[in-house]
Amino acid sequence: MDDALAVVGQWVGLVKAAKFAMAEISRDCEERVANGTVTMEDDFREAVDSIFEALSSLQVQLEEQATAMEQELEDEEE
């Protein structure tokens, strides 16, 4: 159970890192749009938003799973 909890924790960290990377891409896109060097900004923005939403949903699910596993582990120790 400890190993599974550690894996879930690693996935939460990876999802958070991916969300951070997507935020950086989004900021870069905004700068490029402001400079007039990017076309099809709406399509790109929609794709970034979609990925960010999916990552956020995955993060919530993983955090809920980790909490449930922690609770189960605590119950087993009692």
N, C-alpha and C. Protein backbone atom coordinates (compact mmCIF):
# COMPACT_ATOMS: atom_id res chain seq x y z
N MET A 1 0.82 -1.19 0.00
CA MET A 1 0.00 0.00 0.00
C MET A 1 0.87 1.26 0.00
N ASP A 2 1.97 1.22 0.77
CA ASP A 2 2.87 2.37 0.79
C ASP A 2 3.43 2.66 -0.60
N ASP A 3 3.76 1.58 -1.34
CA ASP A 3 4.29 1.75 -2.69
C ASP A 3 3.26 2.39 -3.61
N ALA A 4 2.02 1.94 -3.50
CA ALA A 4 0.96 2.50 -4.33
C ALA A 4 0.74 3.96 -4.00
N LEU A 5 0.78 4.30 -2.74
CA LEU A 5 0.61 5.69 -2.32
C LEU A 5 1.76 6.54 -2.85
N ALA A 6 2.96 6.01 -2.83
CA ALA A 6 4.11 6.74 -3.36
C ALA A 6 3.95 6.98 -4.86
N VAL A 7 3.45 5.99 -5.57
CA VAL A 7 3.24 6.13 -7.02
C VAL A 7 2.20 7.21 -7.30
N VAL A 8 1.11 7.19 -6.54
CA VAL A 8 0.09 8.21 -6.72
C VAL A 8 0.68 9.59 -6.44
N GLY A 9 1.49 9.68 -5.40
CA GLY A 9 2.15 10.95 -5.08
C GLY A 9 3.04 11.43 -6.21
N GLN A 10 3.75 10.50 -6.84
CA GLN A 10 4.60 10.86 -7.98
C GLN A 10 3.76 11.36 -9.15
N TRP A 11 2.63 10.70 -9.40
CA TRP A 11 1.75 11.14 -10.48
C TRP A 11 1.19 12.52 -10.21
N VAL A 12 0.82 12.79 -8.96
CA VAL A 12 0.33 14.13 -8.61
C VAL A 12 1.41 15.15 -8.94
N GLY A 13 2.64 14.86 -8.57
CA GLY A 13 3.75 15.76 -8.86
C GLY A 13 3.95 15.96 -10.36
N LEU A 14 3.83 14.90 -11.13
CA LEU A 14 3.98 15.01 -12.58
C LEU A 14 2.87 15.85 -13.20
N VAL A 15 1.66 15.66 -12.72
CA VAL A 15 0.53 16.44 -13.24
C VAL A 15 0.73 17.92 -12.91
N LYS A 16 1.16 18.21 -11.69
CA LYS A 16 1.41 19.60 -11.32
C LYS A 16 2.50 20.21 -12.19
N ALA A 17 3.55 19.45 -12.46
CA ALA A 17 4.63 19.93 -13.32
C ALA A 17 4.12 20.18 -14.74
N ALA A 18 3.27 19.29 -15.23
CA ALA A 18 2.72 19.46 -16.58
C ALA A 18 1.82 20.70 -16.63
N LYS A 19 1.04 20.92 -15.59
CA LYS A 19 0.19 22.12 -15.55
C LYS A 19 1.05 23.38 -15.53
N PHE A 20 2.15 23.35 -14.79
CA PHE A 20 3.05 24.50 -14.75
C PHE A 20 3.64 24.75 -16.14
N ALA A 21 4.05 23.67 -16.81
CA ALA A 21 4.60 23.81 -18.16
C ALA A 21 3.56 24.38 -19.12
N MET A 22 2.32 23.93 -19.00
CA MET A 22 1.25 24.46 -19.86
C MET A 22 1.01 25.93 -19.58
N ALA A 23 1.10 26.34 -18.33
CA ALA A 23 0.93 27.75 -17.98
C ALA A 23 2.04 28.58 -18.62
N GLU A 24 3.25 28.04 -18.63
CA GLU A 24 4.37 28.73 -19.27
C GLU A 24 4.13 28.86 -20.78
N ILE A 25 3.65 27.81 -21.40
CA ILE A 25 3.35 27.85 -22.83
C ILE A 25 2.27 28.89 -23.11
N SER A 26 1.27 28.91 -22.27
CA SER A 26 0.18 29.87 -22.43
C SER A 26 0.70 31.31 -22.33
N ARG A 27 1.55 31.58 -21.33
CA ARG A 27 2.12 32.92 -21.19
C ARG A 27 2.98 33.28 -22.40
N ASP A 28 3.75 32.32 -22.89
CA ASP A 28 4.58 32.56 -24.07
C ASP A 28 3.70 32.89 -25.27
N CYS A 29 2.59 32.17 -25.41
CA CYS A 29 1.67 32.42 -26.51
C CYS A 29 1.10 33.83 -26.41
N GLU A 30 0.71 34.22 -25.21
CA GLU A 30 0.16 35.57 -25.02
C GLU A 30 1.16 36.64 -25.42
N GLU A 31 2.43 36.42 -25.08
CA GLU A 31 3.48 37.37 -25.46
C GLU A 31 3.63 37.42 -26.98
N ARG A 32 3.61 36.27 -27.62
CA ARG A 32 3.74 36.23 -29.07
C ARG A 32 2.55 36.89 -29.77
N VAL A 33 1.37 36.67 -29.24
CA VAL A 33 0.18 37.30 -29.80
C VAL A 33 0.30 38.81 -29.65
N ALA A 34 0.74 39.26 -28.48
CA ALA A 34 0.91 40.69 -28.25
C ALA A 34 1.92 41.29 -29.22
N ASN A 35 2.94 40.50 -29.57
CA ASN A 35 3.96 40.97 -30.52
C ASN A 35 3.52 40.80 -31.97
N GLY A 36 2.40 40.11 -32.18
CA GLY A 36 1.90 39.90 -33.53
C GLY A 36 2.64 38.81 -34.28
N THR A 37 3.31 37.90 -33.58
CA THR A 37 4.09 36.86 -34.25
C THR A 37 3.39 35.50 -34.28
N VAL A 38 2.15 35.42 -33.79
CA VAL A 38 1.43 34.15 -33.78
C VAL A 38 0.11 34.32 -34.49
N THR A 39 -0.22 33.34 -35.32
CA THR A 39 -1.54 33.31 -35.93
C THR A 39 -2.32 32.16 -35.32
N MET A 40 -3.60 32.13 -35.54
CA MET A 40 -4.48 31.07 -35.04
C MET A 40 -4.42 31.00 -33.51
N GLU A 41 -4.35 32.14 -32.86
CA GLU A 41 -4.25 32.20 -31.41
C GLU A 41 -5.45 31.54 -30.73
N ASP A 42 -6.64 31.72 -31.30
CA ASP A 42 -7.83 31.15 -30.69
C ASP A 42 -7.77 29.63 -30.63
N ASP A 43 -7.32 29.01 -31.71
CA ASP A 43 -7.19 27.55 -31.73
C ASP A 43 -6.16 27.07 -30.71
N PHE A 44 -5.04 27.78 -30.65
CA PHE A 44 -4.00 27.40 -29.70
C PHE A 44 -4.50 27.57 -28.28
N ARG A 45 -5.15 28.68 -28.01
CA ARG A 45 -5.68 28.96 -26.66
C ARG A 45 -6.68 27.87 -26.26
N GLU A 46 -7.54 27.48 -27.19
CA GLU A 46 -8.53 26.44 -26.91
C GLU A 46 -7.83 25.12 -26.58
N ALA A 47 -6.80 24.78 -27.32
CA ALA A 47 -6.07 23.54 -27.06
C ALA A 47 -5.38 23.59 -25.71
N VAL A 48 -4.75 24.71 -25.39
CA VAL A 48 -4.06 24.84 -24.10
C VAL A 48 -5.08 24.74 -22.97
N ASP A 49 -6.20 25.43 -23.11
CA ASP A 49 -7.23 25.39 -22.07
C ASP A 49 -7.76 23.97 -21.87
N SER A 50 -7.95 23.25 -22.96
CA SER A 50 -8.44 21.89 -22.88
C SER A 50 -7.45 20.99 -22.15
N ILE A 51 -6.19 21.11 -22.47
CA ILE A 51 -5.16 20.32 -21.80
C ILE A 51 -5.08 20.68 -20.33
N PHE A 52 -5.13 21.96 -20.02
CA PHE A 52 -5.06 22.41 -18.64
C PHE A 52 -6.24 21.86 -17.83
N GLU A 53 -7.43 21.89 -18.41
CA GLU A 53 -8.61 21.36 -17.73
C GLU A 53 -8.48 19.85 -17.49
N ALA A 54 -7.97 19.13 -18.49
CA ALA A 54 -7.79 17.69 -18.33
C ALA A 54 -6.77 17.39 -17.23
N LEU A 55 -5.69 18.15 -17.20
CA LEU A 55 -4.68 17.95 -16.16
C LEU A 55 -5.23 18.29 -14.78
N SER A 56 -6.02 19.34 -14.71
CA SER A 56 -6.62 19.71 -13.43
C SER A 56 -7.54 18.61 -12.92
N SER A 57 -8.34 18.07 -13.81
CA SER A 57 -9.24 16.98 -13.45
C SER A 57 -8.46 15.76 -12.99
N LEU A 58 -7.41 15.43 -13.71
CA LEU A 58 -6.57 14.29 -13.34
C LEU A 58 -5.91 14.52 -11.98
N GLN A 59 -5.45 15.74 -11.75
CA GLN A 59 -4.83 16.05 -10.47
C GLN A 59 -5.82 15.84 -9.33
N VAL A 60 -7.03 16.33 -9.48
CA VAL A 60 -8.05 16.17 -8.44
C VAL A 60 -8.31 14.69 -8.18
N GLN A 61 -8.45 13.92 -9.24
CA GLN A 61 -8.71 12.49 -9.08
C GLN A 61 -7.55 11.79 -8.37
N LEU A 62 -6.33 12.13 -8.74
CA LEU A 62 -5.17 11.52 -8.11
C LEU A 62 -5.05 11.92 -6.64
N GLU A 63 -5.33 13.18 -6.35
CA GLU A 63 -5.27 13.63 -4.96
C GLU A 63 -6.34 12.94 -4.13
N GLU A 64 -7.54 12.76 -4.70
CA GLU A 64 -8.59 12.03 -3.99
C GLU A 64 -8.18 10.59 -3.75
N GLN A 65 -7.58 9.98 -4.74
CA GLN A 65 -7.11 8.59 -4.60
C GLN A 65 -6.04 8.49 -3.53
N ALA A 66 -5.12 9.44 -3.51
CA ALA A 66 -4.06 9.44 -2.51
C ALA A 66 -4.65 9.59 -1.10
N THR A 67 -5.63 10.47 -0.96
CA THR A 67 -6.28 10.66 0.33
C THR A 67 -6.97 9.38 0.78
N ALA A 68 -7.68 8.73 -0.13
CA ALA A 68 -8.36 7.48 0.19
C ALA A 68 -7.36 6.40 0.59
N MET A 69 -6.24 6.34 -0.12
CA MET A 69 -5.22 5.34 0.20
C MET A 69 -4.58 5.63 1.55
N GLU A 70 -4.33 6.90 1.85
CA GLU A 70 -3.77 7.26 3.14
C GLU A 70 -4.72 6.86 4.26
N GLN A 71 -6.00 7.11 4.06
CA GLN A 71 -7.00 6.75 5.06
C GLN A 71 -7.04 5.24 5.27
N GLU A 72 -7.01 4.51 4.16
CA GLU A 72 -7.02 3.05 4.24
C GLU A 72 -5.78 2.54 4.98
N LEU A 73 -4.65 3.16 4.70
CA LEU A 73 -3.41 2.77 5.37
C LEU A 73 -3.49 3.04 6.87
N GLU A 74 -4.04 4.20 7.23
CA GLU A 74 -4.20 4.53 8.65
C GLU A 74 -5.16 3.54 9.33
N ASP A 75 -6.23 3.17 8.63
CA ASP A 75 -7.19 2.21 9.19
C ASP A 75 -6.54 0.85 9.41
N GLU A 76 -5.66 0.44 8.50
CA GLU A 76 -4.98 -0.85 8.63
C GLU A 76 -4.01 -0.83 9.82
N GLU A 77 -3.41 0.32 10.10
CA GLU A 77 -2.45 0.42 11.19
C GLU A 77 -3.12 0.41 12.56
N GLU A 78 -4.41 0.75 12.60
CA GLU A 78 -5.12 0.80 13.89
C GLU A 78 -5.57 -0.54 14.35
